[in-house]
Every structure is written in C-alpha cells, then in structure tokens.
Amino acid sequence: MGTLPRLVRLAVLADFGRTDLIGAEGRNELTEALDRLPRLDIETALADAVVAQALRNPEKAPPSSWPGGLLAAHQANPDRTGGGNPAF
C-alpha cells in the first residue's frame, strides 16, 4: 500500500472512532472532535449496504477484497445480531 492510500485508510479509521492511531499528544483533540460529531452507527449502516449489494451482485465482492470479507463474515453468521459486521 502506498503512502496516500495508507493515509486515507488511517483517516477513515479515525473518522470511525479509532483513537489509537495517533500519539498521545493528539488523542484528546481527536476524541473531543469525534464526540462532537457522532458517527450514528455508520459502521453498521455501511457494512450492511456493502453486504446487500454483494448479495445482489457477488461480482462486487471478490474474495480478497474488503467487500468480500464483509460478505464472507455475513454468510458465516447471517443471523448475527448486535454490533457491526466483525470483518469491518
């Protein structure tokens, strides 16, 4: 993974509430920003949307991709309740 994709991925993870990605000196600021801007269960909504598309069109979820991982986790336990997709 190149520098730009890695930075984008880290930013997305931070946006989804991961505060362990930066040093202690910036963690409070990040946590406060995330508290002001709640995510509203975006992880669950996004994973559910990706899985729904993959179920309709499996070509959108190749096995070695992130959508493929979400689909595989869903298929392994389709009746799972509570929390987001474990492959998220």
Protein backbone atom coordinates (compact mmCIF):
# COMPACT_ATOMS: atom_id res chain seq x y z
CA MET A 1 0.00 0.00 0.00
CA GLY A 2 1.40 3.37 -0.97
CA THR A 3 1.65 6.41 1.29
CA LEU A 4 -1.51 8.16 0.08
CA PRO A 5 -3.81 5.10 0.33
CA ARG A 6 -2.40 4.35 3.78
CA LEU A 7 -3.03 7.90 4.99
CA VAL A 8 -6.56 7.85 3.60
CA ARG A 9 -7.22 4.49 5.29
CA LEU A 10 -5.91 5.82 8.62
CA ALA A 11 -8.09 8.93 8.28
CA VAL A 12 -11.15 6.78 7.59
CA LEU A 13 -10.38 4.62 10.62
CA ALA A 14 -10.03 7.75 12.77
CA ASP A 15 -13.33 9.02 11.39
CA PHE A 16 -14.90 5.74 12.51
CA GLY A 17 -13.69 6.27 16.06
CA ARG A 18 -10.26 4.69 16.19
CA THR A 19 -8.22 6.90 18.53
CA ASP A 20 -5.25 4.55 18.93
CA LEU A 21 -3.84 5.55 15.53
CA ILE A 22 -2.09 8.69 16.73
CA GLY A 23 0.23 9.55 19.57
CA ALA A 24 -0.99 10.55 22.99
CA GLU A 25 -0.32 14.23 22.25
CA GLY A 26 -3.18 14.41 19.72
CA ARG A 27 -5.51 11.77 21.11
CA ASN A 28 -7.56 14.12 23.32
CA GLU A 29 -8.19 16.51 20.45
CA LEU A 30 -9.28 13.65 18.19
CA THR A 31 -11.53 12.16 20.87
CA GLU A 32 -13.17 15.55 21.50
CA ALA A 33 -13.78 16.05 17.77
CA LEU A 34 -15.31 12.59 17.45
CA ASP A 35 -17.53 13.26 20.47
CA ARG A 36 -18.81 16.49 18.85
CA LEU A 37 -19.56 14.69 15.59
CA PRO A 38 -21.21 11.35 16.40
CA ARG A 39 -20.96 8.61 13.78
CA LEU A 40 -24.57 7.40 14.19
CA ASP A 41 -23.73 3.70 13.71
CA ILE A 42 -22.14 4.37 10.33
CA GLU A 43 -20.10 1.16 10.60
CA THR A 44 -23.24 -0.95 10.72
CA ALA A 45 -25.04 1.05 8.03
CA LEU A 46 -22.07 0.97 5.66
CA ALA A 47 -21.32 -2.73 6.19
CA ASP A 48 -25.00 -3.62 5.73
CA ALA A 49 -25.14 -1.60 2.49
CA VAL A 50 -22.00 -3.27 1.12
CA VAL A 51 -23.28 -6.75 2.02
CA ALA A 52 -26.69 -6.03 0.48
CA GLN A 53 -25.03 -5.02 -2.80
CA ALA A 54 -22.75 -8.06 -2.70
CA LEU A 55 -25.70 -10.38 -2.15
CA ARG A 56 -27.42 -8.89 -5.20
CA ASN A 57 -24.23 -8.91 -7.29
CA PRO A 58 -21.41 -11.14 -5.96
CA GLU A 59 -19.01 -9.72 -8.57
CA LYS A 60 -18.91 -6.58 -6.41
CA ALA A 61 -17.28 -8.59 -3.61
CA PRO A 62 -14.23 -10.55 -4.80
CA PRO A 63 -12.95 -12.88 -2.05
CA SER A 64 -9.72 -10.96 -1.38
CA SER A 65 -11.41 -7.54 -1.11
CA TRP A 66 -12.92 -5.66 1.82
CA PRO A 67 -16.46 -6.19 0.46
CA GLY A 68 -15.60 -9.88 0.02
CA GLY A 69 -14.55 -10.08 3.67
CA LEU A 70 -17.76 -8.41 4.78
CA LEU A 71 -19.80 -10.79 2.65
CA ALA A 72 -17.94 -13.85 3.95
CA ALA A 73 -18.45 -12.77 7.57
CA HIS A 74 -22.15 -12.22 6.90
CA GLN A 75 -22.53 -15.60 5.18
CA ALA A 76 -20.71 -17.34 8.04
CA ASN A 77 -23.25 -15.96 10.51
CA PRO A 78 -26.26 -14.48 8.66
CA ASP A 79 -28.41 -14.33 11.81
CA ARG A 80 -25.87 -12.33 13.82
CA THR A 81 -27.43 -9.51 15.80
CA GLY A 82 -25.92 -6.61 17.66
CA GLY A 83 -22.87 -4.68 16.65
CA GLY A 84 -21.42 -4.32 13.22
CA ASN A 85 -20.00 -6.85 10.84
CA PRO A 86 -16.92 -8.41 12.50
CA ALA A 87 -14.98 -8.02 9.24
CA PHE A 88 -15.46 -4.25 9.26
